[in-house]
Amino acid sequence: MPRIALEDTPYEGRTSALPWGVELPTLECHHCGSSLAGRREAVRRQTTQGIRYVVEVFRCRCGRGRHVKREAAA
């Protein structure tokens, strides 16, 4: 049976799953409080100091937007 050399894998300890105990951002407008579910307007990728982020832009009926920033999976 072939063996997998674990020392040769590119795994760096990162995962695409959200960590336990981290509070998820609520999808509601900070201005009027209405739900932003289904109102995603754009998705951007941004790099800051070598860390990659995914920024989701939501628009609300009141005209204000909201940007939700998450660390991108490796």
PDB file of N, CA and C in Angstrom:
ATOM      1  N   MET A   1       0.844  -1.171   0.000  1.00  0.00           N
ATOM      2  CA  MET A   1       0.000   0.000   0.000  1.00  0.00           C
ATOM      3  C   MET A   1       0.901   1.249   0.000  1.00  0.00           C
ATOM      4  N   PRO A   2       0.609   2.246  -0.882  1.00  0.00           N
ATOM      5  CA  PRO A   2       1.435   3.461  -0.925  1.00  0.00           C
ATOM      6  C   PRO A   2       1.235   4.317   0.323  1.00  0.00           C
ATOM      7  N   ARG A   3       2.289   5.009   0.709  1.00  0.00           N
ATOM      8  CA  ARG A   3       2.230   5.870   1.890  1.00  0.00           C
ATOM      9  C   ARG A   3       2.280   7.329   1.453  1.00  0.00           C
ATOM     10  N   ILE A   4       1.663   8.192   2.218  1.00  0.00           N
ATOM     11  CA  ILE A   4       1.681   9.630   1.963  1.00  0.00           C
ATOM     12  C   ILE A   4       2.696  10.260   2.907  1.00  0.00           C
ATOM     13  N   ALA A   5       3.665  10.971   2.329  1.00  0.00           N
ATOM     14  CA  ALA A   5       4.656  11.653   3.145  1.00  0.00           C
ATOM     15  C   ALA A   5       4.043  12.957   3.664  1.00  0.00           C
ATOM     16  N   LEU A   6       3.700  12.996   4.929  1.00  0.00           N
ATOM     17  CA  LEU A   6       3.033  14.163   5.495  1.00  0.00           C
ATOM     18  C   LEU A   6       3.925  15.394   5.537  1.00  0.00           C
ATOM     19  N   GLU A   7       5.221  15.210   5.535  1.00  0.00           N
ATOM     20  CA  GLU A   7       6.146  16.336   5.548  1.00  0.00           C
ATOM     21  C   GLU A   7       6.145  17.081   4.206  1.00  0.00           C
ATOM     22  N   ASP A   8       5.640  16.463   3.154  1.00  0.00           N
ATOM     23  CA  ASP A   8       5.657  17.052   1.818  1.00  0.00           C
ATOM     24  C   ASP A   8       4.358  17.753   1.445  1.00  0.00           C
ATOM     25  N   THR A   9       3.368  17.745   2.332  1.00  0.00           N
ATOM     26  CA  THR A   9       2.102  18.376   1.992  1.00  0.00           C
ATOM     27  C   THR A   9       2.187  19.884   2.186  1.00  0.00           C
ATOM     28  N   PRO A  10       1.488  20.674   1.348  1.00  0.00           N
ATOM     29  CA  PRO A  10       1.561  22.125   1.446  1.00  0.00           C
ATOM     30  C   PRO A  10       0.653  22.731   2.525  1.00  0.00           C
ATOM     31  N   TYR A  11       0.048  21.920   3.372  1.00  0.00           N
ATOM     32  CA  TYR A  11      -0.867  22.425   4.395  1.00  0.00           C
ATOM     33  C   TYR A  11      -0.111  23.328   5.363  1.00  0.00           C
ATOM     34  N   GLU A  12      -0.633  24.552   5.569  1.00  0.00           N
ATOM     35  CA  GLU A  12       0.031  25.522   6.437  1.00  0.00           C
ATOM     36  C   GLU A  12      -0.801  25.839   7.681  1.00  0.00           C
ATOM     37  N   GLY A  13      -1.746  24.997   8.012  1.00  0.00           N
ATOM     38  CA  GLY A  13      -2.540  25.217   9.207  1.00  0.00           C
ATOM     39  C   GLY A  13      -3.749  26.097   8.997  1.00  0.00           C
ATOM     40  N   ARG A  14      -4.083  26.439   7.768  1.00  0.00           N
ATOM     41  CA  ARG A  14      -5.247  27.279   7.495  1.00  0.00           C
ATOM     42  C   ARG A  14      -6.366  26.428   6.922  1.00  0.00           C
ATOM     43  N   THR A  15      -7.580  26.841   7.179  1.00  0.00           N
ATOM     44  CA  THR A  15      -8.737  26.136   6.649  1.00  0.00           C
ATOM     45  C   THR A  15      -9.757  27.155   6.163  1.00  0.00           C
ATOM     46  N   SER A  16     -10.629  26.733   5.262  1.00  0.00           N
ATOM     47  CA  SER A  16     -11.642  27.648   4.745  1.00  0.00           C
ATOM     48  C   SER A  16     -12.835  27.762   5.691  1.00  0.00           C
ATOM     49  N   ALA A  17     -12.915  26.889   6.689  1.00  0.00           N
ATOM     50  CA  ALA A  17     -14.032  26.923   7.633  1.00  0.00           C
ATOM     51  C   ALA A  17     -13.849  28.078   8.614  1.00  0.00           C
ATOM     52  N   LEU A  18     -14.956  28.624   9.081  1.00  0.00           N
ATOM     53  CA  LEU A  18     -14.897  29.680  10.085  1.00  0.00           C
ATOM     54  C   LEU A  18     -14.498  29.091  11.427  1.00  0.00           C
ATOM     55  N   PRO A  19     -13.646  29.776  12.176  1.00  0.00           N
ATOM     56  CA  PRO A  19     -13.228  29.246  13.481  1.00  0.00           C
ATOM     57  C   PRO A  19     -14.383  29.233  14.474  1.00  0.00           C
ATOM     58  N   TRP A  20     -14.329  28.294  15.427  1.00  0.00           N
ATOM     59  CA  TRP A  20     -15.353  28.194  16.454  1.00  0.00           C
ATOM     60  C   TRP A  20     -15.251  29.378  17.391  1.00  0.00           C
ATOM     61  N   GLY A  21     -16.379  29.814  17.888  1.00  0.00           N
ATOM     62  CA  GLY A  21     -16.397  30.871  18.882  1.00  0.00           C
ATOM     63  C   GLY A  21     -16.331  32.275  18.308  1.00  0.00           C
ATOM     64  N   VAL A  22     -16.188  32.394  17.000  1.00  0.00           N
ATOM     65  CA  VAL A  22     -16.141  33.717  16.385  1.00  0.00           C
ATOM     66  C   VAL A  22     -17.562  34.145  16.072  1.00  0.00           C
ATOM     67  N   GLU A  23     -17.921  35.322  16.503  1.00  0.00           N
ATOM     68  CA  GLU A  23     -19.273  35.817  16.266  1.00  0.00           C
ATOM     69  C   GLU A  23     -19.419  36.223  14.806  1.00  0.00           C
ATOM     70  N   LEU A  24     -20.421  35.688  14.141  1.00  0.00           N
ATOM     71  CA  LEU A  24     -20.650  36.012  12.746  1.00  0.00           C
ATOM     72  C   LEU A  24     -21.306  37.392  12.631  1.00  0.00           C
ATOM     73  N   PRO A  25     -20.931  38.148  11.598  1.00  0.00           N
ATOM     74  CA  PRO A  25     -21.562  39.453  11.441  1.00  0.00           C
ATOM     75  C   PRO A  25     -23.034  39.294  11.049  1.00  0.00           C
ATOM     76  N   THR A  26     -23.896  40.082  11.643  1.00  0.00           N
ATOM     77  CA  THR A  26     -25.307  40.034  11.284  1.00  0.00           C
ATOM     78  C   THR A  26     -25.500  40.805   9.986  1.00  0.00           C
ATOM     79  N   LEU A  27     -26.378  40.315   9.157  1.00  0.00           N
ATOM     80  CA  LEU A  27     -26.620  40.977   7.880  1.00  0.00           C
ATOM     81  C   LEU A  27     -27.809  41.913   8.015  1.00  0.00           C
ATOM     82  N   GLU A  28     -27.583  42.991   8.705  1.00  0.00           N
ATOM     83  CA  GLU A  28     -28.606  44.023   8.794  1.00  0.00           C
ATOM     84  C   GLU A  28     -27.934  45.377   8.650  1.00  0.00           C
ATOM     85  N   CYS A  29     -28.702  46.333   8.184  1.00  0.00           N
ATOM     86  CA  CYS A  29     -28.198  47.687   7.970  1.00  0.00           C
ATOM     87  C   CYS A  29     -27.920  48.350   9.317  1.00  0.00           C
ATOM     88  N   HIS A  30     -26.768  48.984   9.443  1.00  0.00           N
ATOM     89  CA  HIS A  30     -26.426  49.673  10.683  1.00  0.00           C
ATOM     90  C   HIS A  30     -27.226  50.977  10.830  1.00  0.00           C
ATOM     91  N   HIS A  31     -27.776  51.475   9.735  1.00  0.00           N
ATOM     92  CA  HIS A  31     -28.495  52.746   9.766  1.00  0.00           C
ATOM     93  C   HIS A  31     -29.973  52.554  10.108  1.00  0.00           C
ATOM     94  N   CYS A  32     -30.666  51.679   9.339  1.00  0.00           N
ATOM     95  CA  CYS A  32     -32.110  51.531   9.559  1.00  0.00           C
ATOM     96  C   CYS A  32     -32.496  50.185  10.181  1.00  0.00           C
ATOM     97  N   GLY A  33     -31.584  49.215  10.233  1.00  0.00           N
ATOM     98  CA  GLY A  33     -31.855  47.935  10.869  1.00  0.00           C
ATOM     99  C   GLY A  33     -32.533  46.896  10.005  1.00  0.00           C
ATOM    100  N   SER A  34     -32.822  47.208   8.726  1.00  0.00           N
ATOM    101  CA  SER A  34     -33.493  46.220   7.875  1.00  0.00           C
ATOM    102  C   SER A  34     -32.510  45.144   7.426  1.00  0.00           C
ATOM    103  N   SER A  35     -33.039  43.988   7.047  1.00  0.00           N
ATOM    104  CA  SER A  35     -32.223  42.849   6.647  1.00  0.00           C
ATOM    105  C   SER A  35     -31.564  43.105   5.291  1.00  0.00           C
ATOM    106  N   LEU A  36     -30.311  42.653   5.158  1.00  0.00           N
ATOM    107  CA  LEU A  36     -29.589  42.779   3.896  1.00  0.00           C
ATOM    108  C   LEU A  36     -29.491  41.441   3.173  1.00  0.00           C
ATOM    109  N   ALA A  37     -30.199  40.429   3.654  1.00  0.00           N
ATOM    110  CA  ALA A  37     -30.175  39.114   3.017  1.00  0.00           C
ATOM    111  C   ALA A  37     -30.672  39.223   1.583  1.00  0.00           C
ATOM    112  N   GLY A  38     -29.912  38.692   0.647  1.00  0.00           N
ATOM    113  CA  GLY A  38     -30.276  38.736  -0.769  1.00  0.00           C
ATOM    114  C   GLY A  38     -29.998  40.069  -1.436  1.00  0.00           C
ATOM    115  N   ARG A  39     -29.323  40.988  -0.782  1.00  0.00           N
ATOM    116  CA  ARG A  39     -29.047  42.313  -1.339  1.00  0.00           C
ATOM    117  C   ARG A  39     -27.569  42.536  -1.624  1.00  0.00           C
ATOM    118  N   ARG A  40     -26.826  41.458  -1.820  1.00  0.00           N
ATOM    119  CA  ARG A  40     -25.402  41.594  -2.126  1.00  0.00           C
ATOM    120  C   ARG A  40     -25.243  42.213  -3.509  1.00  0.00           C
ATOM    121  N   GLU A  41     -24.457  43.245  -3.572  1.00  0.00           N
ATOM    122  CA  GLU A  41     -24.267  43.990  -4.812  1.00  0.00           C
ATOM    123  C   GLU A  41     -22.951  43.629  -5.502  1.00  0.00           C
ATOM    124  N   ALA A  42     -21.900  43.410  -4.724  1.00  0.00           N
ATOM    125  CA  ALA A  42     -20.592  43.137  -5.314  1.00  0.00           C
ATOM    126  C   ALA A  42     -19.732  42.349  -4.334  1.00  0.00           C
ATOM    127  N   VAL A  43     -18.712  41.687  -4.887  1.00  0.00           N
ATOM    128  CA  VAL A  43     -17.712  40.990  -4.090  1.00  0.00           C
ATOM    129  C   VAL A  43     -16.357  41.431  -4.601  1.00  0.00           C
ATOM    130  N   ARG A  44     -15.509  41.917  -3.684  1.00  0.00           N
ATOM    131  CA  ARG A  44     -14.172  42.367  -4.064  1.00  0.00           C
ATOM    132  C   ARG A  44     -13.141  41.555  -3.309  1.00  0.00           C
ATOM    133  N   ARG A  45     -11.971  41.475  -3.898  1.00  0.00           N
ATOM    134  CA  ARG A  45     -10.838  40.868  -3.208  1.00  0.00           C
ATOM    135  C   ARG A  45      -9.856  41.985  -2.904  1.00  0.00           C
ATOM    136  N   GLN A  46      -9.327  41.991  -1.700  1.00  0.00           N
ATOM    137  CA  GLN A  46      -8.469  43.072  -1.244  1.00  0.00           C
ATOM    138  C   GLN A  46      -7.292  42.461  -0.486  1.00  0.00           C
ATOM    139  N   THR A  47      -6.110  43.013  -0.662  1.00  0.00           N
ATOM    140  CA  THR A  47      -4.935  42.561   0.071  1.00  0.00           C
ATOM    141  C   THR A  47      -4.415  43.716   0.910  1.00  0.00           C
ATOM    142  N   THR A  48      -4.235  43.477   2.197  1.00  0.00           N
ATOM    143  CA  THR A  48      -3.710  44.478   3.115  1.00  0.00           C
ATOM    144  C   THR A  48      -2.588  43.844   3.915  1.00  0.00           C
ATOM    145  N   GLN A  49      -1.403  44.381   3.799  1.00  0.00           N
ATOM    146  CA  GLN A  49      -0.222  43.894   4.510  1.00  0.00           C
ATOM    147  C   GLN A  49      -0.031  42.398   4.319  1.00  0.00           C
ATOM    148  N   GLY A  50      -0.222  41.918   3.109  1.00  0.00           N
ATOM    149  CA  GLY A  50      -0.009  40.513   2.792  1.00  0.00           C
ATOM    150  C   GLY A  50      -1.150  39.582   3.150  1.00  0.00           C
ATOM    151  N   ILE A  51      -2.202  40.091   3.783  1.00  0.00           N
ATOM    152  CA  ILE A  51      -3.357  39.271   4.143  1.00  0.00           C
ATOM    153  C   ILE A  51      -4.446  39.505   3.113  1.00  0.00           C
ATOM    154  N   ARG A  52      -4.975  38.418   2.560  1.00  0.00           N
ATOM    155  CA  ARG A  52      -6.040  38.526   1.559  1.00  0.00           C
ATOM    156  C   ARG A  52      -7.401  38.513   2.218  1.00  0.00           C
ATOM    157  N   TYR A  53      -8.263  39.424   1.776  1.00  0.00           N
ATOM    158  CA  TYR A  53      -9.611  39.543   2.295  1.00  0.00           C
ATOM    159  C   TYR A  53     -10.621  39.464   1.156  1.00  0.00           C
ATOM    160  N   VAL A  54     -11.833  39.027   1.497  1.00  0.00           N
ATOM    161  CA  VAL A  54     -12.980  39.087   0.599  1.00  0.00           C
ATOM    162  C   VAL A  54     -13.916  40.123   1.203  1.00  0.00           C
ATOM    163  N   VAL A  55     -14.275  41.127   0.411  1.00  0.00           N
ATOM    164  CA  VAL A  55     -15.163  42.185   0.882  1.00  0.00           C
ATOM    165  C   VAL A  55     -16.468  42.082   0.113  1.00  0.00           C
ATOM    166  N   GLU A  56     -17.566  41.853   0.838  1.00  0.00           N
ATOM    167  CA  GLU A  56     -18.888  41.781   0.226  1.00  0.00           C
ATOM    168  C   GLU A  56     -19.587  43.117   0.453  1.00  0.00           C
ATOM    169  N   VAL A  57     -20.158  43.673  -0.603  1.00  0.00           N
ATOM    170  CA  VAL A  57     -20.832  44.965  -0.522  1.00  0.00           C
ATOM    171  C   VAL A  57     -22.339  44.723  -0.618  1.00  0.00           C
ATOM    172  N   PHE A  58     -23.073  45.216   0.366  1.00  0.00           N
ATOM    173  CA  PHE A  58     -24.525  45.095   0.406  1.00  0.00           C
ATOM    174  C   PHE A  58     -25.129  46.486   0.316  1.00  0.00           C
ATOM    175  N   ARG A  59     -26.287  46.601  -0.306  1.00  0.00           N
ATOM    176  CA  ARG A  59     -27.015  47.869  -0.385  1.00  0.00           C
ATOM    177  C   ARG A  59     -28.354  47.710   0.308  1.00  0.00           C
ATOM    178  N   CYS A  60     -28.810  48.771   0.933  1.00  0.00           N
ATOM    179  CA  CYS A  60     -30.069  48.767   1.673  1.00  0.00           C
ATOM    180  C   CYS A  60     -31.063  49.704   0.992  1.00  0.00           C
ATOM    181  N   ARG A  61     -32.328  49.548   1.344  1.00  0.00           N
ATOM    182  CA  ARG A  61     -33.367  50.425   0.791  1.00  0.00           C
ATOM    183  C   ARG A  61     -33.178  51.871   1.216  1.00  0.00           C
ATOM    184  N   CYS A  62     -32.591  52.092   2.383  1.00  0.00           N
ATOM    185  CA  CYS A  62     -32.406  53.461   2.872  1.00  0.00           C
ATOM    186  C   CYS A  62     -31.274  54.183   2.130  1.00  0.00           C
ATOM    187  N   GLY A  63     -30.534  53.449   1.281  1.00  0.00           N
ATOM    188  CA  GLY A  63     -29.480  54.078   0.485  1.00  0.00           C
ATOM    189  C   GLY A  63     -28.086  53.897   1.038  1.00  0.00           C
ATOM    190  N   ARG A  64     -27.964  53.457   2.283  1.00  0.00           N
ATOM    191  CA  ARG A  64     -26.656  53.228   2.865  1.00  0.00           C
ATOM    192  C   ARG A  64     -26.166  51.847   2.490  1.00  0.00           C
ATOM    193  N   GLY A  65     -24.891  51.678   2.385  1.00  0.00           N
ATOM    194  CA  GLY A  65     -24.318  50.377   2.087  1.00  0.00           C
ATOM    195  C   GLY A  65     -23.617  49.799   3.305  1.00  0.00           C
ATOM    196  N   ARG A  66     -23.231  48.555   3.184  1.00  0.00           N
ATOM    197  CA  ARG A  66     -22.478  47.907   4.247  1.00  0.00           C
ATOM    198  C   ARG A  66     -21.445  47.008   3.619  1.00  0.00           C
ATOM    199  N   HIS A  67     -20.220  47.052   4.140  1.00  0.00           N
ATOM    200  CA  HIS A  67     -19.127  46.233   3.651  1.00  0.00           C
ATOM    201  C   HIS A  67     -18.795  45.202   4.734  1.00  0.00           C
ATOM    202  N   VAL A  68     -18.845  43.912   4.365  1.00  0.00           N
ATOM    203  CA  VAL A  68     -18.514  42.834   5.285  1.00  0.00           C
ATOM    204  C   VAL A  68     -17.188  42.261   4.807  1.00  0.00           C
ATOM    205  N   LYS A  69     -16.168  42.325   5.670  1.00  0.00           N
ATOM    206  CA  LYS A  69     -14.803  41.937   5.306  1.00  0.00           C
ATOM    207  C   LYS A  69     -14.439  40.653   6.046  1.00  0.00           C
ATOM    208  N   ARG A  70     -14.013  39.632   5.276  1.00  0.00           N
ATOM    209  CA  ARG A  70     -13.604  38.351   5.851  1.00  0.00           C
ATOM    210  C   ARG A  70     -12.232  37.987   5.308  1.00  0.00           C
ATOM    211  N   GLU A  71     -11.451  37.271   6.089  1.00  0.00           N
ATOM    212  CA  GLU A  71     -10.170  36.794   5.607  1.00  0.00           C
ATOM    213  C   GLU A  71     -10.417  35.691   4.593  1.00  0.00           C
ATOM    214  N   ALA A  72      -9.737  35.781   3.455  1.00  0.00           N
ATOM    215  CA  ALA A  72      -9.942  34.807   2.374  1.00  0.00           C
ATOM    216  C   ALA A  72      -9.227  33.501   2.709  1.00  0.00           C
ATOM    217  N   ALA A  73      -9.782  32.426   2.212  1.00  0.00           N
ATOM    218  CA  ALA A  73      -9.142  31.122   2.386  1.00  0.00           C
ATOM    219  C   ALA A  73      -7.879  31.070   1.537  1.00  0.00           C
ATOM    220  N   ALA A  74      -6.903  30.365   2.004  1.00  0.00           N
ATOM    221  CA  ALA A  74      -5.614  30.291   1.300  1.00  0.00           C
ATOM    222  C   ALA A  74      -5.725  29.603   0.010  1.00  0.00           C
TER     223      ALA A  74
END
